[in-house]
Amino acid sequence: MKQDVERATEALRTLFPETPLQLNEHLSARYGAQVYLKREDLSPVRSYKIRGAFNFFRKIISGEGKQDSFVCASAGNHAQGFAFVCRHFGVKGTVFMPVTTPQQKIDKTRTFGGDSVEIRLFGDFFDQCYRAAQEHARDTGAVMVPPFDDPDVIEGQATVAAEIAAQLGDIRPDLVVLPVGGGGLAAGVTGYLSDMVPKEGFVFCEPEGAPSLRRSLEAGEVITLEQVDNFVDGAAVGRIGDLNFAALRTFDAGQAMLLSENAICVTIIDMLNVEGVVLEPAGALSVTALEALGRERLQGKTVVAVVSGGNFDFERLPDVKERAMRHRGLKKYFILRMAQRPGALRDFLNLLGPDDDISRFEYLKKSARNFGSILIGIETKSPQNFVALKEAFDGAGLRYQDITDNEVLANLII
């Protein structure tokens, strides 16, 4: 396997140079460790997906029988890697994307592919456009390029590990932290680094809303999730690849960490503000895992975290900032029952501390002559300020409900 991966790595150099493995001083100081980031966000398409796509195309094109028509289904990084590689090899490709795909991603895919790629928008959800791509492949004879569950794709993603090993030289990492969606990257990297990193040294990270690897490891077989939270779109996979699970099934379920979507938002904001690094939610998974592991476990260790992608749509930034503040305990939402009398609002405002700021205020329903329901959002500088604020609410006899962590209610009215 290693020789095949090294040949794939050498072939990949015709497309782009190796991505950097950077010692990150900020994270190293925070955790008392040597933290290296493998910057896949600096590939030509700002994600590692180009590797698997390139290797798949390379094997098909060099094989017997000329293939010049390819198809894929994707709303993100796989589509962009596919398009880039189609143009590189001078072959025709068709990309099926959901109608709901953000225009930014459609435009980037078109830019990377140029005249080599046709984009077709189909269906509201990925599963619908994936079936359409499969039908297109059957009808036209085009080769379907899978996003992760394929040996050549896994081999291509393993080139990340080949570069890491060469870049580290004589250094041996204690921990390698890998984001997981369909599992192609994790399967490839763990296979290549198996003689360099102890088995317990691999840490896998998934969003809480898409724990396909964790649930499958717990069950001892591939599990299809009934529901997936698409916020971390680059890793929101309902079923890990069969080949990928076969490569990962001997790992302990506890090695697959589940990270909250709001915690991932904290990482995105921190890395942008402190390091000037733009990460998409899936690309922030491995750095978020460092915070979850904590300084006590990381101190004194050499850690490699694979940053898998940086295709972030800045139209999402307000939502990301909102989620980050809620996770840090710096923003809360309340429903209040406020008396309908002169001076009631002034009395309420006097309960606020010097660092408390009202970010939202609206009447929800005037359900009685004497009282009205109010939705209020409050931002502050320290989570402890909300302890004092609730004590002030209680002391004033104010009836209220904290709905910040009530996902159903918050999604309906916030």
Protein backbone atom coordinates (compact mmCIF):
# COMPACT_ATOMS: atom_id res chain seq x y z
CA MET A 1 0.00 0.00 0.00
CA LYS A 2 2.74 2.47 0.95
CA GLN A 3 4.46 2.20 -2.42
CA ASP A 4 1.15 2.82 -4.20
CA VAL A 5 0.50 5.88 -2.06
CA GLU A 6 4.00 7.20 -2.70
CA ARG A 7 3.51 6.76 -6.45
CA ALA A 8 0.22 8.62 -6.15
CA THR A 9 1.99 11.38 -4.20
CA GLU A 10 4.65 11.71 -6.89
CA ALA A 11 1.99 11.87 -9.60
CA LEU A 12 0.12 14.52 -7.64
CA ARG A 13 3.11 16.86 -7.91
CA THR A 14 2.14 17.46 -11.55
CA LEU A 15 -0.99 19.14 -10.19
CA PHE A 16 0.16 21.11 -7.13
CA PRO A 17 3.00 21.19 -4.57
CA GLU A 18 2.65 19.62 -1.14
CA THR A 19 0.51 21.54 1.32
CA PRO A 20 2.35 22.98 4.35
CA LEU A 21 2.70 21.26 7.70
CA GLN A 22 2.99 24.25 10.04
CA LEU A 23 3.89 24.42 13.71
CA ASN A 24 1.17 26.67 15.10
CA GLU A 25 2.59 28.83 17.91
CA HIS A 26 -0.82 30.01 19.13
CA LEU A 27 -2.25 26.52 19.64
CA SER A 28 1.05 25.13 20.89
CA ALA A 29 1.18 27.76 23.64
CA ARG A 30 -2.48 27.22 24.55
CA TYR A 31 -2.07 23.47 25.10
CA GLY A 32 1.58 23.26 26.13
CA ALA A 33 2.23 21.01 23.14
CA GLN A 34 3.83 20.98 19.71
CA VAL A 35 0.77 21.42 17.50
CA TYR A 36 1.27 21.04 13.77
CA LEU A 37 -1.50 21.88 11.31
CA LYS A 38 -1.60 20.09 7.97
CA ARG A 39 -3.02 22.89 5.84
CA GLU A 40 -5.28 21.22 3.29
CA ASP A 41 -7.14 24.52 3.10
CA LEU A 42 -4.17 25.70 1.01
CA SER A 43 -4.64 23.22 -1.83
CA PRO A 44 -5.72 24.68 -5.21
CA VAL A 45 -9.39 24.01 -4.35
CA ARG A 46 -8.96 24.75 -0.62
CA SER A 47 -9.61 21.16 0.47
CA TYR A 48 -8.03 17.70 0.36
CA LYS A 49 -10.77 16.35 -1.92
CA ILE A 50 -8.73 17.13 -5.01
CA ARG A 51 -6.32 14.32 -4.03
CA GLY A 52 -8.81 11.47 -4.19
CA ALA A 53 -10.41 12.82 -7.35
CA PHE A 54 -7.02 13.14 -9.07
CA ASN A 55 -5.96 9.62 -8.14
CA PHE A 56 -9.27 8.15 -9.32
CA PHE A 57 -9.02 9.94 -12.68
CA ARG A 58 -5.34 9.00 -13.04
CA LYS A 59 -6.08 5.29 -12.63
CA ILE A 60 -9.05 5.33 -15.01
CA ILE A 61 -7.33 7.36 -17.72
CA SER A 62 -4.15 5.27 -17.64
CA GLY A 63 -6.11 2.01 -17.83
CA GLU A 64 -7.25 0.10 -20.85
CA GLY A 65 -9.95 1.79 -22.91
CA LYS A 66 -10.17 5.54 -23.28
CA GLN A 67 -12.57 7.19 -20.86
CA ASP A 68 -13.38 10.82 -21.53
CA SER A 69 -16.70 11.38 -19.75
CA PHE A 70 -17.16 11.56 -15.98
CA VAL A 71 -19.92 12.53 -13.55
CA CYS A 72 -20.22 13.28 -9.85
CA ALA A 73 -22.79 14.51 -7.35
CA SER A 74 -21.69 17.07 -4.78
CA ALA A 75 -22.65 20.38 -3.26
CA GLY A 76 -19.15 21.28 -2.11
CA ASN A 77 -15.52 20.28 -2.03
CA HIS A 78 -15.79 17.06 -4.04
CA ALA A 79 -17.39 18.99 -6.91
CA GLN A 80 -14.59 21.54 -6.93
CA GLY A 81 -11.84 18.91 -6.87
CA PHE A 82 -13.66 16.97 -9.61
CA ALA A 83 -13.93 20.09 -11.78
CA PHE A 84 -10.27 21.04 -11.33
CA VAL A 85 -9.11 17.55 -12.29
CA CYS A 86 -11.42 17.37 -15.32
CA ARG A 87 -9.80 20.50 -16.70
CA HIS A 88 -6.31 19.18 -15.87
CA PHE A 89 -6.84 15.96 -17.82
CA GLY A 90 -8.85 17.61 -20.58
CA VAL A 91 -11.90 15.38 -20.12
CA LYS A 92 -15.58 16.22 -19.91
CA GLY A 93 -17.37 16.13 -16.59
CA THR A 94 -20.91 16.68 -15.38
CA VAL A 95 -21.54 17.86 -11.83
CA PHE A 96 -24.96 17.34 -10.30
CA MET A 97 -25.66 19.78 -7.46
CA PRO A 98 -28.85 20.37 -5.44
CA VAL A 99 -30.90 23.39 -6.50
CA THR A 100 -30.33 24.72 -2.97
CA THR A 101 -26.54 24.88 -3.39
CA PRO A 102 -25.19 28.39 -2.59
CA GLN A 103 -24.31 30.34 -5.71
CA GLN A 104 -20.75 30.84 -4.45
CA LYS A 105 -20.08 27.09 -4.61
CA ILE A 106 -21.65 26.80 -8.05
CA ASP A 107 -19.51 29.67 -9.33
CA LYS A 108 -16.29 28.22 -7.87
CA THR A 109 -16.97 24.82 -9.39
CA ARG A 110 -17.57 26.45 -12.77
CA THR A 111 -14.36 28.49 -12.41
CA PHE A 112 -12.25 25.43 -11.62
CA GLY A 113 -13.74 23.35 -14.41
CA GLY A 114 -14.05 25.94 -17.15
CA ASP A 115 -15.30 24.52 -20.44
CA SER A 116 -14.58 20.97 -19.26
CA VAL A 117 -17.48 20.85 -16.82
CA GLU A 118 -21.25 21.15 -17.10
CA ILE A 119 -23.20 21.87 -13.93
CA ARG A 120 -26.74 20.55 -13.53
CA LEU A 121 -28.92 21.60 -10.63
CA PHE A 122 -31.34 18.91 -9.54
CA GLY A 123 -33.49 18.36 -6.47
CA ASP A 124 -33.58 20.06 -3.10
CA PHE A 125 -31.41 17.50 -1.30
CA PHE A 126 -28.15 15.69 -1.99
CA ASP A 127 -29.76 12.25 -2.21
CA GLN A 128 -31.98 13.43 -5.06
CA CYS A 129 -29.11 14.83 -7.12
CA TYR A 130 -26.97 11.76 -6.35
CA ARG A 131 -29.64 9.50 -7.85
CA ALA A 132 -29.83 11.80 -10.87
CA ALA A 133 -26.05 11.51 -11.31
CA GLN A 134 -26.28 7.71 -11.13
CA GLU A 135 -28.99 7.70 -13.79
CA HIS A 136 -26.85 9.96 -15.97
CA ALA A 137 -23.95 7.53 -15.62
CA ARG A 138 -26.14 4.56 -16.61
CA ASP A 139 -27.69 6.39 -19.55
CA THR A 140 -24.51 7.89 -21.02
CA GLY A 141 -21.74 5.53 -19.94
CA ALA A 142 -20.02 8.32 -18.00
CA VAL A 143 -17.81 7.15 -15.14
CA MET A 144 -19.23 7.94 -11.71
CA VAL A 145 -16.55 9.46 -9.47
CA PRO A 146 -17.35 8.61 -5.82
CA PRO A 147 -16.55 11.13 -3.07
CA PHE A 148 -15.02 8.70 -0.56
CA ASP A 149 -16.01 5.02 -0.76
CA ASP A 150 -13.51 3.80 -3.35
CA PRO A 151 -10.00 2.28 -3.05
CA ASP A 152 -8.42 4.74 -5.51
CA VAL A 153 -10.02 7.70 -3.73
CA ILE A 154 -8.79 6.38 -0.36
CA GLU A 155 -5.31 5.96 -1.83
CA GLY A 156 -5.42 9.54 -3.07
CA GLN A 157 -6.44 10.89 0.34
CA ALA A 158 -3.59 8.87 1.89
CA THR A 159 -1.14 11.18 0.11
CA VAL A 160 -1.87 13.61 2.97
CA ALA A 161 -0.17 11.10 5.28
CA ALA A 162 2.77 10.56 2.92
CA GLU A 163 3.44 14.29 2.97
CA ILE A 164 3.08 14.48 6.75
CA ALA A 165 5.63 11.69 7.24
CA ALA A 166 8.14 13.35 4.91
CA GLN A 167 7.61 16.78 6.45
CA LEU A 168 8.03 15.54 10.04
CA GLY A 169 11.29 13.73 9.24
CA ASP A 170 12.52 12.06 12.42
CA ILE A 171 9.70 13.51 14.56
CA ARG A 172 7.09 10.98 15.66
CA PRO A 173 3.65 12.39 16.53
CA ASP A 174 1.88 11.24 19.69
CA LEU A 175 -1.54 12.14 18.30
CA VAL A 176 -2.93 12.55 14.79
CA VAL A 177 -6.34 14.25 14.73
CA LEU A 178 -8.51 13.57 11.70
CA PRO A 179 -11.91 14.95 10.68
CA VAL A 180 -14.38 12.33 9.49
CA GLY A 181 -17.28 12.58 7.07
CA GLY A 182 -17.44 9.65 4.68
CA GLY A 183 -14.17 8.33 6.09
CA GLY A 184 -11.90 8.36 3.02
CA LEU A 185 -9.30 10.65 4.60
CA ALA A 186 -9.27 8.74 7.91
CA ALA A 187 -8.99 5.36 6.19
CA GLY A 188 -6.11 6.51 4.00
CA VAL A 189 -4.13 8.33 6.69
CA THR A 190 -4.43 5.64 9.37
CA GLY A 191 -3.37 2.97 6.90
CA TYR A 192 -0.26 4.85 5.79
CA LEU A 193 0.82 5.98 9.27
CA SER A 194 0.09 2.68 11.04
CA ASP A 195 3.79 1.96 11.65
CA MET A 196 4.56 5.55 12.69
CA VAL A 197 1.70 6.31 15.10
CA PRO A 198 0.36 3.92 17.77
CA LYS A 199 -3.22 2.82 17.20
CA GLU A 200 -4.44 4.73 20.24
CA GLY A 201 -2.70 7.83 18.86
CA PHE A 202 -5.38 8.44 16.25
CA VAL A 203 -8.26 10.73 17.18
CA PHE A 204 -11.28 11.03 14.91
CA CYS A 205 -13.68 13.95 15.12
CA GLU A 206 -17.23 14.25 13.84
CA PRO A 207 -19.98 16.82 14.32
CA GLU A 208 -22.59 15.82 16.89
CA GLY A 209 -25.24 16.05 14.19
CA ALA A 210 -23.56 13.46 11.92
CA PRO A 211 -21.88 10.75 14.05
CA SER A 212 -21.73 8.06 11.36
CA LEU A 213 -18.32 6.62 12.40
CA ARG A 214 -19.02 6.75 16.14
CA ARG A 215 -22.37 5.00 15.86
CA SER A 216 -20.94 2.38 13.48
CA LEU A 217 -18.01 1.63 15.80
CA GLU A 218 -20.41 1.29 18.72
CA ALA A 219 -22.58 -1.13 16.74
CA GLY A 220 -19.71 -3.03 15.13
CA GLU A 221 -21.25 -2.55 11.69
CA VAL A 222 -22.07 0.30 9.31
CA ILE A 223 -25.04 2.29 10.58
CA THR A 224 -27.16 4.59 8.44
CA LEU A 225 -28.22 7.64 10.44
CA GLU A 226 -31.91 8.48 10.32
CA GLN A 227 -31.26 12.21 10.58
CA VAL A 228 -28.25 14.46 9.90
CA ASP A 229 -27.57 18.08 10.86
CA ASN A 230 -26.16 19.68 7.70
CA PHE A 231 -24.48 22.65 9.42
CA VAL A 232 -21.03 21.06 9.09
CA ASP A 233 -21.76 20.42 5.43
CA GLY A 234 -18.34 19.01 4.55
CA ALA A 235 -18.74 16.20 7.12
CA ALA A 236 -22.52 15.79 7.30
CA VAL A 237 -22.66 12.21 6.02
CA GLY A 238 -25.47 9.87 6.98
CA ARG A 239 -23.52 6.69 6.27
CA ILE A 240 -19.77 6.16 6.41
CA GLY A 241 -18.29 4.39 3.39
CA ASP A 242 -18.27 0.59 3.59
CA LEU A 243 -14.61 0.32 2.54
CA ASN A 244 -13.67 3.10 4.92
CA PHE A 245 -15.42 1.49 7.86
CA ALA A 246 -13.68 -1.80 7.08
CA ALA A 247 -10.36 0.05 7.47
CA LEU A 248 -11.44 1.77 10.71
CA ARG A 249 -13.59 -0.85 12.43
CA THR A 250 -10.85 -2.04 14.85
CA PHE A 251 -10.52 1.39 16.45
CA ASP A 252 -12.25 2.04 19.76
CA ALA A 253 -15.51 3.99 19.59
CA GLY A 254 -14.11 6.34 22.23
CA GLN A 255 -11.51 7.52 19.72
CA ALA A 256 -14.31 9.06 17.64
CA MET A 257 -15.05 12.38 19.33
CA LEU A 258 -18.37 14.14 18.79
CA LEU A 259 -18.10 17.93 18.68
CA SER A 260 -20.98 20.35 18.95
CA GLU A 261 -21.71 22.53 15.98
CA ASN A 262 -21.58 25.62 18.21
CA ALA A 263 -18.12 24.68 19.52
CA ILE A 264 -16.94 24.39 15.92
CA CYS A 265 -18.16 27.95 15.38
CA VAL A 266 -15.95 29.14 18.25
CA THR A 267 -12.95 27.64 16.44
CA ILE A 268 -13.88 29.30 13.14
CA ILE A 269 -14.09 32.72 14.82
CA ASP A 270 -10.89 32.21 16.87
CA MET A 271 -8.80 31.05 13.93
CA LEU A 272 -10.07 33.92 11.80
CA ASN A 273 -9.50 36.60 14.44
CA VAL A 274 -6.24 35.32 15.96
CA GLU A 275 -4.50 33.53 13.09
CA GLY A 276 -6.16 35.02 10.03
CA VAL A 277 -6.98 31.50 8.86
CA VAL A 278 -10.31 30.94 7.10
CA LEU A 279 -11.79 27.52 7.90
CA GLU A 280 -15.05 25.95 6.82
CA PRO A 281 -16.96 24.07 9.57
CA ALA A 282 -15.56 20.67 8.53
CA GLY A 283 -12.08 22.19 8.31
CA ALA A 284 -12.39 23.41 11.91
CA LEU A 285 -13.21 19.97 13.32
CA SER A 286 -9.66 18.89 14.18
CA VAL A 287 -8.77 22.19 15.88
CA THR A 288 -12.03 22.05 17.85
CA ALA A 289 -11.05 18.55 18.98
CA LEU A 290 -7.90 19.98 20.60
CA GLU A 291 -10.05 22.12 22.89
CA ALA A 292 -12.19 19.09 23.75
CA LEU A 293 -9.10 17.00 24.51
CA GLY A 294 -7.79 19.77 26.75
CA ARG A 295 -4.39 20.90 27.95
CA GLU A 296 -4.05 18.08 30.49
CA ARG A 297 -4.10 15.40 27.77
CA LEU A 298 -2.12 17.36 25.19
CA GLN A 299 0.63 18.91 27.31
CA GLY A 300 4.11 17.84 26.24
CA LYS A 301 2.86 15.92 23.22
CA THR A 302 3.49 16.29 19.51
CA VAL A 303 0.16 16.63 17.75
CA VAL A 304 -0.72 16.74 14.06
CA ALA A 305 -4.19 18.08 13.23
CA VAL A 306 -5.39 17.84 9.64
CA VAL A 307 -7.21 21.01 8.61
CA SER A 308 -9.35 19.57 5.85
CA GLY A 309 -10.78 22.63 4.11
CA GLY A 310 -11.30 26.39 3.95
CA ASN A 311 -14.25 26.87 1.61
CA PHE A 312 -16.19 29.13 3.92
CA ASP A 313 -19.13 31.15 2.64
CA PHE A 314 -18.90 34.49 4.46
CA GLU A 315 -22.65 34.93 4.18
CA ARG A 316 -22.73 32.37 7.01
CA LEU A 317 -20.53 34.50 9.28
CA PRO A 318 -23.38 36.15 11.26
CA ASP A 319 -24.83 32.72 12.08
CA VAL A 320 -21.40 31.37 13.01
CA LYS A 321 -20.72 34.33 15.29
CA GLU A 322 -24.13 33.92 16.92
CA ARG A 323 -23.54 30.22 17.59
CA ALA A 324 -20.05 30.92 18.95
CA MET A 325 -21.31 33.51 21.43
CA ARG A 326 -24.05 31.19 22.63
CA HIS A 327 -21.54 28.37 23.12
CA ARG A 328 -19.23 30.64 25.12
CA GLY A 329 -22.12 31.72 27.32
CA LEU A 330 -21.85 35.33 26.15
CA LYS A 331 -25.30 35.55 24.58
CA LYS A 332 -28.66 34.35 25.82
CA TYR A 333 -32.27 34.60 24.80
CA PHE A 334 -35.15 34.96 27.24
CA ILE A 335 -38.91 35.10 27.02
CA LEU A 336 -40.16 37.55 29.63
CA ARG A 337 -43.61 38.31 31.01
CA MET A 338 -43.56 42.07 31.42
CA ALA A 339 -46.25 44.17 33.11
CA GLN A 340 -48.15 46.50 30.78
CA ARG A 341 -47.73 49.67 32.82
CA PRO A 342 -45.82 52.93 32.52
CA GLY A 343 -42.22 52.54 33.70
CA ALA A 344 -42.10 48.72 33.41
CA LEU A 345 -39.51 48.81 30.66
CA ARG A 346 -37.38 51.32 32.56
CA ASP A 347 -37.50 49.10 35.65
CA PHE A 348 -36.35 46.17 33.56
CA LEU A 349 -33.47 48.10 32.01
CA ASN A 350 -32.26 49.02 35.49
CA LEU A 351 -31.75 45.29 36.17
CA LEU A 352 -29.07 45.05 33.48
CA GLY A 353 -25.41 45.20 34.43
CA PRO A 354 -22.83 47.63 32.94
CA ASP A 355 -21.58 45.01 30.45
CA ASP A 356 -25.02 43.74 29.38
CA ASP A 357 -26.26 44.80 25.96
CA ILE A 358 -29.70 44.17 24.43
CA SER A 359 -29.24 42.73 20.93
CA ARG A 360 -32.89 41.89 20.28
CA PHE A 361 -36.18 43.06 21.73
CA GLU A 362 -39.66 42.33 20.41
CA TYR A 363 -43.17 41.65 21.62
CA LEU A 364 -44.24 38.11 20.79
CA LYS A 365 -47.87 38.32 21.83
CA LYS A 366 -49.97 40.66 23.90
CA SER A 367 -51.87 37.84 25.54
CA ALA A 368 -53.44 39.80 28.40
CA ARG A 369 -54.32 43.37 29.28
CA ASN A 370 -51.88 43.45 32.19
CA PHE A 371 -48.91 41.46 30.86
CA GLY A 372 -47.13 40.92 27.55
CA SER A 373 -44.64 38.31 26.34
CA ILE A 374 -41.30 39.65 25.14
CA LEU A 375 -38.40 37.99 23.35
CA ILE A 376 -35.10 39.52 24.39
CA GLY A 377 -31.54 38.72 23.39
CA ILE A 378 -28.72 39.87 25.65
CA GLU A 379 -24.98 39.91 24.96
CA THR A 380 -22.39 40.36 27.70
CA LYS A 381 -18.64 40.14 28.27
CA SER A 382 -18.51 37.28 30.78
CA PRO A 383 -20.75 34.23 31.36
CA GLN A 384 -20.79 35.11 35.06
CA ASN A 385 -22.77 38.23 34.25
CA PHE A 386 -25.80 36.07 33.46
CA VAL A 387 -25.69 34.58 36.95
CA ALA A 388 -26.04 38.07 38.41
CA LEU A 389 -28.70 38.99 35.85
CA LYS A 390 -30.89 35.99 36.66
CA GLU A 391 -30.56 36.77 40.37
CA ALA A 392 -31.77 40.30 39.57
CA PHE A 393 -34.69 38.88 37.57
CA ASP A 394 -35.64 36.61 40.48
CA GLY A 395 -35.29 39.43 43.01
CA ALA A 396 -37.63 41.62 40.97
CA GLY A 397 -40.21 38.83 40.74
CA LEU A 398 -39.86 38.80 36.95
CA ARG A 399 -41.26 35.72 35.21
CA TYR A 400 -38.87 34.50 32.50
CA GLN A 401 -37.68 31.46 30.58
CA ASP A 402 -34.14 30.97 29.24
CA ILE A 403 -34.61 29.49 25.74
CA THR A 404 -30.97 29.72 24.58
CA ASP A 405 -30.41 25.95 24.59
CA ASN A 406 -33.94 24.98 23.60
CA GLU A 407 -33.18 24.14 19.97
CA VAL A 408 -36.77 23.57 18.90
CA LEU A 409 -38.10 26.78 20.41
CA ALA A 410 -35.05 28.85 19.50
CA ASN A 411 -35.15 27.75 15.86
CA LEU A 412 -38.80 28.78 15.63
CA ILE A 413 -38.57 32.30 17.00
CA ILE A 414 -34.92 33.45 17.04
